[in-house]
Amino acid sequence: MRVMKWSMIALAVAAGASQMAVASEQGDSKGFVEDSKFDIFNRVLYMNRDARNGASIANTKAGLRNSYYEETGIGTRLLYSSGFTQGTIGFGIDAHTLSSTKLDSGRGRTRGADQFATNSEGRPEDTQSEAGGAIKLRLSNTVLKYGNQMTSSPVFATDDSRILPEVATGTLITSNEIKGLELTAGHFTAMNSQVQTGRDSLTQSGATLRSADIVGASYQFTDNFSAAIHASDVEDFWKKQYVNLNLAVPLSEDQGLVFDFNAYRSKDEGKKLAGDLDNKVWSLSAAYTLGAHTFTLAHQRSSGPTGYNYGVDGGGTVSVANSVQISDFVGPNERSWQARYDLNMASYGVPGLSFMTRYITGDNIQLADDNENNVEGKEHEWNFESKYVIQEGPAKDLSFRVRHSINRANAVENAANYNDFTDTRLIVEYPLSIL
């Protein structure tokens, strides 16, 4: 962590030499009430998951009996964010309530880990709710927030792929004192899961988060080039370092290239509560946009005696190109390739309508300890997504999305992340801004 801190200091000094400090956001504060925001976010999610040849390897080992899951629910989030009081140091609060309601499920169609928690009889809960809040202080362009919050650091990111999001508890400092430079540091002590409303309800290998320290820096060198570096120390689980480089190359008015590089270095730490972890994984993607069309190619490599691991530090902590709907393609020594196509129908007179499809294939997955014949693990996945967002009128921003994924792998025990897994999701979202 000391190396990471010195790297941040060096980056800040370099940035300060080339950029003037930006105007103070606190100096422009209108007040606690005047800058307040209150939003309501509604999500309906239908999920159908079919482990066609039985439950996935991980689920089988966990003793889960169902290989077919089908659930529908609705989640409502009330999100309040105050402004900051005026003065040298501003004070404010954030507050939220999260609630979910089961619309359709049953003991034979749930596994208690996708949409809803289950009761002692194995039946999904009809309703769940939680509330939380955080206090915040702002000095110039630096904000300190303590309490319950959603995070997006690549080494500590709360997941939002179900009805309700994960919620972390802790302290986060975000500083934007120099134009283009953002510095972050945080200390977190709990993580709520997406399906359990109790505090610190997210578990991994039977253990909960003890503490996580994170630090990071991102800098926008030019309008087209940015870089980031982050690190984390998750007590008794692991330490991680992450880097990102992103370069956009405009070619013409409606053409351009975007290159994106991501890399993690992970090593187990302390009691190793989630098991051994010794992994490096990197990905490089190149996206070419031509009008309404975007074509993307990506390559990803994982190396080391174990695959990449995450979860207790947030289900979104996997910022690599080939982390897709089902698999992340981060097995031990796995190599994977992706081809993707996006279509924005606004250019054809239908604004708000978009399509995406991608195919990812991975091989060279090595798990010799669990595989007597040392057979090479292989997997591939196909994704399709279509989304429409209403552009105007009383239902403005109401969106409808269909996501479908097919993942297939060789049937060797532990040779890949999943074994013949199909996932279909129908998602309706309606955000409302009240203040």
Protein backbone atom coordinates (compact mmCIF):
# COMPACT_ATOMS: atom_id res chain seq x y z
CA MET A 1 0.00 0.00 0.00
CA ARG A 2 2.93 2.35 0.62
CA VAL A 3 3.96 2.09 -3.04
CA MET A 4 0.42 2.91 -4.03
CA LYS A 5 0.32 6.01 -1.82
CA TRP A 6 3.59 7.32 -3.25
CA SER A 7 2.27 6.73 -6.78
CA MET A 8 -0.78 8.84 -5.99
CA ILE A 9 1.36 11.63 -4.60
CA ALA A 10 3.56 11.62 -7.69
CA LEU A 11 0.53 11.72 -9.95
CA ALA A 12 -0.96 14.61 -8.00
CA VAL A 13 2.26 16.60 -8.23
CA ALA A 14 2.49 16.00 -11.97
CA ALA A 15 -1.10 17.03 -12.44
CA GLY A 16 -0.66 20.16 -10.35
CA ALA A 17 2.20 21.27 -12.52
CA SER A 18 0.11 21.13 -15.66
CA GLN A 19 -3.42 22.05 -14.55
CA MET A 20 -4.91 24.86 -12.51
CA ALA A 21 -7.13 23.97 -9.58
CA VAL A 22 -10.81 23.98 -10.48
CA ALA A 23 -13.37 26.30 -8.93
CA SER A 24 -14.64 25.31 -5.49
CA GLU A 25 -17.93 23.39 -5.55
CA GLN A 26 -18.44 24.21 -1.89
CA GLY A 27 -18.11 27.89 -2.69
CA ASP A 28 -21.00 27.53 -5.13
CA SER A 29 -23.25 25.73 -2.64
CA LYS A 30 -26.83 27.02 -2.54
CA GLY A 31 -27.68 25.24 0.70
CA PHE A 32 -28.79 22.04 2.40
CA VAL A 33 -32.35 22.19 1.07
CA GLU A 34 -31.82 24.20 -2.10
CA ASP A 35 -29.47 21.62 -3.66
CA SER A 36 -31.43 18.57 -2.44
CA LYS A 37 -32.40 15.72 -4.75
CA PHE A 38 -35.08 13.08 -4.25
CA ASP A 39 -35.40 10.22 -6.74
CA ILE A 40 -37.58 7.12 -6.96
CA PHE A 41 -36.21 4.19 -8.93
CA ASN A 42 -38.40 1.20 -9.81
CA ARG A 43 -37.19 -2.06 -11.32
CA VAL A 44 -39.14 -5.15 -12.33
CA LEU A 45 -36.91 -8.14 -13.01
CA TYR A 46 -37.88 -11.53 -14.40
CA MET A 47 -35.03 -14.04 -14.26
CA ASN A 48 -35.01 -17.54 -15.72
CA ARG A 49 -31.81 -19.54 -15.15
CA ASP A 50 -31.43 -23.09 -16.45
CA ALA A 51 -28.40 -25.21 -15.54
CA ARG A 52 -29.24 -27.65 -18.29
CA ASN A 53 -27.00 -30.51 -17.14
CA GLY A 54 -27.66 -29.98 -13.47
CA ALA A 55 -26.57 -27.24 -11.13
CA SER A 56 -23.32 -25.45 -11.86
CA ILE A 57 -20.18 -26.83 -10.26
CA ALA A 58 -20.14 -24.19 -7.55
CA ASN A 59 -23.80 -24.73 -6.73
CA THR A 60 -23.47 -28.51 -6.63
CA LYS A 61 -20.66 -28.25 -4.10
CA ALA A 62 -22.80 -25.88 -2.04
CA GLY A 63 -25.56 -28.47 -1.90
CA LEU A 64 -28.16 -26.46 -3.82
CA ARG A 65 -30.86 -28.79 -5.12
CA ASN A 66 -32.41 -26.81 -7.95
CA SER A 67 -30.95 -26.55 -11.42
CA TYR A 68 -33.86 -24.46 -12.79
CA TYR A 69 -34.71 -21.07 -11.29
CA GLU A 70 -37.55 -18.75 -12.29
CA GLU A 71 -38.45 -15.66 -10.31
CA THR A 72 -40.07 -12.26 -10.83
CA GLY A 73 -39.97 -9.33 -8.45
CA ILE A 74 -40.26 -5.57 -8.20
CA GLY A 75 -37.87 -3.32 -6.34
CA THR A 76 -38.40 0.29 -5.29
CA ARG A 77 -35.68 2.65 -4.14
CA LEU A 78 -36.28 5.98 -2.47
CA LEU A 79 -33.06 7.99 -2.75
CA TYR A 80 -32.59 11.33 -1.00
CA SER A 81 -29.41 13.40 -1.30
CA SER A 82 -29.27 16.76 0.43
CA GLY A 83 -27.19 19.68 -0.68
CA PHE A 84 -24.38 21.03 1.50
CA THR A 85 -24.77 23.81 4.01
CA GLN A 86 -22.96 27.00 3.06
CA GLY A 87 -19.63 27.99 4.57
CA THR A 88 -16.05 26.78 4.42
CA ILE A 89 -17.11 23.24 5.31
CA GLY A 90 -20.49 22.05 4.11
CA PHE A 91 -22.61 19.42 5.85
CA GLY A 92 -25.19 17.13 4.24
CA ILE A 93 -26.88 13.76 4.45
CA ASP A 94 -27.87 10.95 2.09
CA ALA A 95 -30.68 8.53 2.89
CA HIS A 96 -32.34 5.62 1.14
CA THR A 97 -34.95 2.91 1.54
CA LEU A 98 -34.83 -0.28 -0.51
CA SER A 99 -37.78 -2.66 -0.79
CA SER A 100 -38.55 -5.70 -2.91
CA THR A 101 -41.76 -7.62 -3.49
CA LYS A 102 -42.01 -11.14 -4.87
CA LEU A 103 -44.37 -11.33 -7.84
CA ASP A 104 -43.73 -14.94 -8.82
CA SER A 105 -41.57 -17.75 -7.44
CA GLY A 106 -41.82 -20.89 -5.35
CA ARG A 107 -39.84 -23.42 -3.37
CA GLY A 108 -39.26 -25.50 -6.50
CA ARG A 109 -38.13 -22.53 -8.57
CA THR A 110 -35.79 -20.64 -6.26
CA ARG A 111 -32.34 -21.17 -4.86
CA GLY A 112 -32.36 -18.25 -2.44
CA ALA A 113 -29.38 -16.49 -3.98
CA ASP A 114 -30.66 -14.76 -7.11
CA GLN A 115 -33.69 -12.59 -6.30
CA PHE A 116 -35.02 -13.27 -2.80
CA ALA A 117 -33.93 -14.59 0.53
CA THR A 118 -35.61 -17.80 1.66
CA ASN A 119 -37.29 -18.67 4.95
CA SER A 120 -36.78 -21.76 7.11
CA GLU A 121 -39.03 -23.79 4.77
CA GLY A 122 -36.99 -22.87 1.72
CA ARG A 123 -39.66 -20.57 0.34
CA PRO A 124 -38.73 -17.13 -1.02
CA GLU A 125 -39.69 -14.18 1.15
CA ASP A 126 -42.73 -12.21 -0.05
CA THR A 127 -41.29 -8.80 0.86
CA GLN A 128 -38.01 -7.38 2.07
CA SER A 129 -36.91 -3.88 2.96
CA GLU A 130 -34.02 -1.95 4.43
CA ALA A 131 -33.12 1.66 5.12
CA GLY A 132 -29.81 3.42 5.44
CA GLY A 133 -28.09 6.74 5.37
CA ALA A 134 -24.79 8.57 5.39
CA ILE A 135 -23.48 11.89 6.57
CA LYS A 136 -21.21 13.90 4.30
CA LEU A 137 -18.83 16.83 4.60
CA ARG A 138 -17.40 18.93 1.79
CA LEU A 139 -14.36 21.19 1.82
CA SER A 140 -13.70 22.87 -1.52
CA ASN A 141 -13.96 19.93 -3.98
CA THR A 142 -13.27 17.16 -1.47
CA VAL A 143 -16.15 15.13 -0.04
CA LEU A 144 -16.01 12.80 2.96
CA LYS A 145 -18.95 10.44 3.32
CA TYR A 146 -19.59 8.03 6.19
CA GLY A 147 -22.39 5.49 6.40
CA ASN A 148 -24.31 3.34 3.94
CA GLN A 149 -23.46 3.91 0.29
CA MET A 150 -23.10 2.35 -3.14
CA THR A 151 -19.53 2.30 -4.45
CA SER A 152 -17.99 1.99 -7.91
CA SER A 153 -14.25 1.57 -7.32
CA PRO A 154 -12.79 -1.20 -9.52
CA VAL A 155 -11.38 -2.77 -6.33
CA PHE A 156 -14.54 -2.30 -4.24
CA ALA A 157 -17.77 -2.07 -6.24
CA THR A 158 -21.31 -2.80 -5.09
CA ASP A 159 -23.29 -4.95 -7.52
CA ASP A 160 -26.61 -3.81 -9.03
CA SER A 161 -27.55 -6.74 -11.26
CA ARG A 162 -30.64 -7.89 -9.32
CA ILE A 163 -33.80 -6.23 -8.01
CA LEU A 164 -31.89 -4.30 -5.33
CA PRO A 165 -28.22 -3.26 -5.11
CA GLU A 166 -25.56 -4.22 -2.62
CA VAL A 167 -24.86 -1.55 0.00
CA ALA A 168 -21.49 -0.95 1.69
CA THR A 169 -20.94 0.61 5.10
CA GLY A 170 -17.88 2.74 5.74
CA THR A 171 -16.02 5.93 4.94
CA LEU A 172 -15.13 7.22 1.47
CA ILE A 173 -13.17 10.36 0.60
CA THR A 174 -13.34 11.67 -2.96
CA SER A 175 -11.18 14.63 -3.99
CA ASN A 176 -11.32 16.60 -7.25
CA GLU A 177 -9.17 19.58 -6.32
CA ILE A 178 -7.14 19.51 -9.54
CA LYS A 179 -8.76 19.54 -12.94
CA GLY A 180 -8.84 16.06 -14.42
CA LEU A 181 -7.52 14.34 -11.29
CA GLU A 182 -9.70 12.35 -8.91
CA LEU A 183 -8.27 10.81 -5.73
CA THR A 184 -10.21 8.34 -3.60
CA ALA A 185 -9.58 6.58 -0.29
CA GLY A 186 -11.92 4.53 1.85
CA HIS A 187 -12.36 2.20 4.79
CA PHE A 188 -15.35 -0.17 4.83
CA THR A 189 -16.54 -2.61 7.47
CA ALA A 190 -19.74 -4.21 6.11
CA MET A 191 -21.45 -5.21 2.87
CA ASN A 192 -25.17 -5.93 2.47
CA SER A 193 -26.08 -8.47 -0.19
CA GLN A 194 -28.66 -7.95 -2.94
CA VAL A 195 -31.07 -10.50 -1.46
CA GLN A 196 -30.52 -10.19 2.31
CA THR A 197 -31.55 -6.98 4.04
CA GLY A 198 -29.63 -7.49 7.27
CA ARG A 199 -26.47 -5.50 7.90
CA ASP A 200 -23.30 -7.24 6.70
CA SER A 201 -25.36 -9.99 5.06
CA LEU A 202 -23.03 -10.70 2.14
CA THR A 203 -20.97 -13.82 2.79
CA GLN A 204 -18.26 -15.61 0.87
CA SER A 205 -17.10 -19.08 1.88
CA GLY A 206 -19.16 -18.57 5.02
CA ALA A 207 -17.34 -15.39 6.07
CA THR A 208 -18.38 -11.74 5.99
CA LEU A 209 -16.36 -8.63 5.28
CA ARG A 210 -14.15 -7.65 8.20
CA SER A 211 -12.60 -4.50 6.80
CA ALA A 212 -11.49 -3.21 3.43
CA ASP A 213 -9.10 -0.32 2.80
CA ILE A 214 -9.06 1.14 -0.70
CA VAL A 215 -7.11 3.90 -2.42
CA GLY A 216 -7.17 5.11 -6.01
CA ALA A 217 -6.34 7.80 -8.52
CA SER A 218 -7.62 8.56 -12.01
CA TYR A 219 -6.40 11.29 -14.31
CA GLN A 220 -7.73 12.66 -17.58
CA PHE A 221 -4.49 13.55 -19.37
CA THR A 222 -6.28 14.83 -22.49
CA ASP A 223 -9.83 14.80 -23.82
CA ASN A 224 -9.05 11.41 -25.37
CA PHE A 225 -6.68 9.70 -22.91
CA SER A 226 -7.18 8.72 -19.27
CA ALA A 227 -5.48 6.43 -16.77
CA ALA A 228 -6.35 5.01 -13.35
CA ILE A 229 -4.64 3.05 -10.60
CA HIS A 230 -6.34 1.52 -7.55
CA ALA A 231 -5.48 -0.85 -4.71
CA SER A 232 -7.30 -2.61 -1.90
CA ASP A 233 -6.51 -4.56 1.25
CA VAL A 234 -9.44 -6.76 2.31
CA GLU A 235 -8.62 -8.10 5.76
CA ASP A 236 -8.06 -11.88 5.89
CA PHE A 237 -9.17 -12.26 2.26
CA TRP A 238 -6.78 -10.63 -0.26
CA LYS A 239 -4.91 -7.63 -1.58
CA LYS A 240 -5.48 -6.30 -5.09
CA GLN A 241 -3.94 -3.76 -7.44
CA TYR A 242 -5.66 -2.49 -10.57
CA VAL A 243 -4.68 -0.31 -13.54
CA ASN A 244 -6.67 1.07 -16.45
CA LEU A 245 -5.69 2.92 -19.64
CA ASN A 246 -8.29 4.30 -22.03
CA LEU A 247 -7.58 5.96 -25.37
CA ALA A 248 -10.15 7.37 -27.80
CA VAL A 249 -9.02 8.10 -31.38
CA PRO A 250 -11.50 10.18 -33.43
CA LEU A 251 -11.25 9.35 -37.13
CA SER A 252 -14.01 11.52 -38.56
CA GLU A 253 -17.32 13.04 -37.56
CA ASP A 254 -19.02 9.64 -37.28
CA GLN A 255 -16.04 7.29 -36.90
CA GLY A 256 -13.71 6.55 -34.03
CA LEU A 257 -11.63 3.98 -32.18
CA VAL A 258 -11.54 3.32 -28.44
CA PHE A 259 -8.84 1.18 -26.81
CA ASP A 260 -9.33 0.03 -23.22
CA PHE A 261 -6.79 -1.87 -21.07
CA ASN A 262 -7.57 -3.32 -17.63
CA ALA A 263 -5.40 -5.40 -15.30
CA TYR A 264 -5.59 -6.85 -11.79
CA ARG A 265 -2.93 -8.35 -9.55
CA SER A 266 -4.42 -10.30 -6.64
CA LYS A 267 -2.86 -12.20 -3.72
CA ASP A 268 -4.48 -13.85 -0.70
CA GLU A 269 -3.89 -12.28 2.69
CA GLY A 270 -4.06 -13.21 6.38
CA LYS A 271 -6.40 -16.11 7.17
CA LYS A 272 -7.35 -16.57 3.48
CA LEU A 273 -11.03 -16.90 4.36
CA ALA A 274 -12.02 -17.43 0.71
CA GLY A 275 -9.15 -19.80 0.02
CA ASP A 276 -5.95 -19.36 -1.94
CA LEU A 277 -5.69 -16.47 -4.40
CA ASP A 278 -2.67 -15.80 -6.61
CA ASN A 279 -3.70 -14.36 -9.93
CA LYS A 280 -2.96 -11.82 -12.62
CA VAL A 281 -5.61 -11.00 -15.21
CA TRP A 282 -5.58 -8.40 -17.97
CA SER A 283 -7.80 -7.50 -20.90
CA LEU A 284 -7.43 -5.30 -23.96
CA SER A 285 -10.37 -4.25 -26.11
CA ALA A 286 -10.62 -2.23 -29.31
CA ALA A 287 -13.95 -0.73 -30.38
CA TYR A 288 -14.56 0.79 -33.81
CA THR A 289 -17.65 3.01 -34.23
CA LEU A 290 -19.07 3.78 -37.64
CA GLY A 291 -22.24 5.81 -37.34
CA ALA A 292 -24.84 3.62 -35.64
CA HIS A 293 -22.57 0.56 -35.59
CA THR A 294 -19.87 -0.38 -33.09
CA PHE A 295 -17.61 -3.40 -33.58
CA THR A 296 -15.50 -4.58 -30.64
CA LEU A 297 -12.73 -7.15 -30.32
CA ALA A 298 -11.24 -8.09 -26.95
CA HIS A 299 -8.59 -10.45 -25.63
CA GLN A 300 -8.19 -11.43 -21.98
CA ARG A 301 -5.62 -13.52 -20.12
CA SER A 302 -5.64 -14.90 -16.61
CA SER A 303 -2.45 -16.37 -15.16
CA GLY A 304 -1.36 -17.93 -11.91
CA PRO A 305 -2.22 -21.03 -9.89
CA THR A 306 -5.72 -19.73 -9.13
CA GLY A 307 -8.36 -17.76 -10.99
CA TYR A 308 -9.43 -14.24 -10.09
CA ASN A 309 -11.76 -14.01 -7.07
CA TYR A 310 -14.15 -11.36 -5.80
CA GLY A 311 -17.45 -11.08 -3.96
CA VAL A 312 -17.02 -10.06 -0.34
CA ASP A 313 -15.49 -6.84 -1.73
CA GLY A 314 -18.56 -6.31 -3.92
CA GLY A 315 -20.10 -8.29 -6.74
CA GLY A 316 -19.11 -5.58 -9.23
CA THR A 317 -15.38 -5.81 -8.52
CA VAL A 318 -14.39 -7.34 -11.85
CA SER A 319 -13.59 -4.61 -14.39
CA VAL A 320 -12.27 -6.68 -17.29
CA ALA A 321 -13.52 -6.87 -20.87
CA ASN A 322 -14.75 -10.46 -20.83
CA SER A 323 -16.76 -10.25 -17.62
CA VAL A 324 -20.19 -10.76 -19.18
CA GLN A 325 -23.67 -11.97 -18.22
CA ILE A 326 -22.75 -15.39 -16.81
CA SER A 327 -19.00 -15.99 -16.85
CA ASP A 328 -16.04 -13.69 -16.20
CA PHE A 329 -13.54 -15.91 -18.09
CA VAL A 330 -11.00 -15.57 -15.28
CA GLY A 331 -10.15 -19.22 -14.56
CA PRO A 332 -6.55 -20.29 -13.82
CA ASN A 333 -4.43 -19.53 -16.91
CA GLU A 334 -7.57 -18.97 -18.99
CA ARG A 335 -7.29 -17.22 -22.35
CA SER A 336 -10.40 -15.72 -23.91
CA TRP A 337 -11.45 -13.74 -26.95
CA GLN A 338 -14.56 -11.66 -27.60
CA ALA A 339 -16.31 -10.32 -30.69
CA ARG A 340 -19.13 -7.84 -30.09
CA TYR A 341 -21.55 -5.80 -32.19
CA ASP A 342 -23.71 -2.85 -31.04
CA LEU A 343 -26.42 -1.06 -33.02
CA ASN A 344 -27.92 2.30 -32.05
CA MET A 345 -31.22 2.71 -33.89
CA ALA A 346 -31.34 6.49 -33.34
CA SER A 347 -29.52 6.85 -36.66
CA TYR A 348 -32.40 5.01 -38.32
CA GLY A 349 -35.12 7.16 -36.81
CA VAL A 350 -35.84 5.16 -33.65
CA PRO A 351 -34.09 6.98 -30.80
CA GLY A 352 -33.87 4.98 -27.57
CA LEU A 353 -33.73 1.57 -29.26
CA SER A 354 -30.46 -0.38 -29.20
CA PHE A 355 -29.20 -3.92 -29.78
CA MET A 356 -26.08 -5.77 -28.67
CA THR A 357 -24.70 -9.24 -29.30
CA ARG A 358 -21.34 -10.77 -28.37
CA TYR A 359 -19.56 -14.09 -28.41
CA ILE A 360 -16.76 -15.04 -26.02
CA THR A 361 -14.67 -18.18 -26.07
CA GLY A 362 -12.13 -19.28 -23.46
CA ASP A 363 -9.65 -22.14 -23.26
CA ASN A 364 -6.46 -23.30 -21.53
CA ILE A 365 -8.19 -23.41 -18.12
CA GLN A 366 -5.84 -25.32 -15.85
CA LEU A 367 -7.01 -26.98 -12.64
CA ALA A 368 -4.58 -29.85 -12.23
CA ASP A 369 -5.26 -30.29 -8.50
CA ASP A 370 -8.90 -31.19 -9.12
CA ASN A 371 -8.48 -32.87 -12.46
CA GLU A 372 -6.52 -36.13 -12.44
CA ASN A 373 -6.12 -36.17 -16.22
CA ASN A 374 -5.22 -32.46 -16.35
CA VAL A 375 -7.72 -31.95 -19.17
CA GLU A 376 -7.83 -28.44 -20.60
CA GLY A 377 -10.94 -26.56 -19.57
CA LYS A 378 -12.91 -24.73 -22.25
CA GLU A 379 -16.02 -22.55 -22.24
CA HIS A 380 -17.89 -20.20 -24.53
CA GLU A 381 -20.78 -17.79 -24.11
CA TRP A 382 -23.18 -15.94 -26.38
CA ASN A 383 -25.08 -12.85 -25.19
CA PHE A 384 -27.94 -10.92 -26.76
CA GLU A 385 -29.46 -7.71 -25.43
CA SER A 386 -32.14 -5.36 -26.71
CA LYS A 387 -33.23 -2.17 -24.93
CA TYR A 388 -35.73 0.58 -25.55
CA VAL A 389 -35.95 3.83 -23.56
CA ILE A 390 -38.97 6.11 -23.98
CA GLN A 391 -37.63 9.51 -24.99
CA GLU A 392 -40.43 11.93 -24.10
CA GLY A 393 -43.87 12.31 -22.56
CA PRO A 394 -45.14 11.34 -19.08
CA ALA A 395 -43.30 7.99 -19.28
CA LYS A 396 -39.97 9.56 -20.28
CA ASP A 397 -36.96 7.37 -19.30
CA LEU A 398 -39.12 4.26 -18.80
CA SER A 399 -37.00 1.44 -20.25
CA PHE A 400 -37.56 -2.16 -21.36
CA ARG A 401 -34.66 -4.57 -21.73
CA VAL A 402 -34.25 -8.22 -22.74
CA ARG A 403 -31.02 -10.07 -21.90
CA HIS A 404 -30.29 -13.64 -22.98
CA SER A 405 -27.15 -15.66 -22.47
CA ILE A 406 -26.01 -19.18 -23.28
CA ASN A 407 -22.84 -20.51 -21.62
CA ARG A 408 -21.43 -23.93 -22.50
CA ALA A 409 -18.32 -25.72 -21.24
CA ASN A 410 -16.68 -29.11 -21.39
CA ALA A 411 -18.02 -31.47 -18.77
CA VAL A 412 -14.74 -32.08 -16.95
CA GLU A 413 -15.16 -31.59 -13.18
CA ASN A 414 -13.99 -28.07 -12.28
CA ALA A 415 -12.73 -27.43 -15.81
CA ALA A 416 -14.68 -24.21 -16.23
CA ASN A 417 -16.80 -21.75 -14.28
CA TYR A 418 -20.14 -23.23 -15.34
CA ASN A 419 -21.44 -26.24 -17.21
CA ASP A 420 -24.21 -25.63 -19.77
CA PHE A 421 -25.92 -22.61 -18.25
CA THR A 422 -28.67 -20.49 -19.85
CA ASP A 423 -29.90 -17.18 -18.46
CA THR A 424 -32.82 -15.01 -19.62
CA ARG A 425 -33.82 -11.71 -18.01
CA LEU A 426 -36.61 -9.24 -18.73
CA ILE A 427 -36.05 -5.87 -17.06
CA VAL A 428 -38.34 -2.85 -16.79
CA GLU A 429 -36.94 0.27 -15.11
CA TYR A 430 -38.62 3.58 -14.34
CA PRO A 431 -36.60 6.38 -12.71
CA LEU A 432 -38.48 9.39 -11.37
CA SER A 433 -36.87 12.64 -10.29
CA ILE A 434 -39.05 14.33 -7.65
CA LEU A 435 -36.64 17.12 -6.64
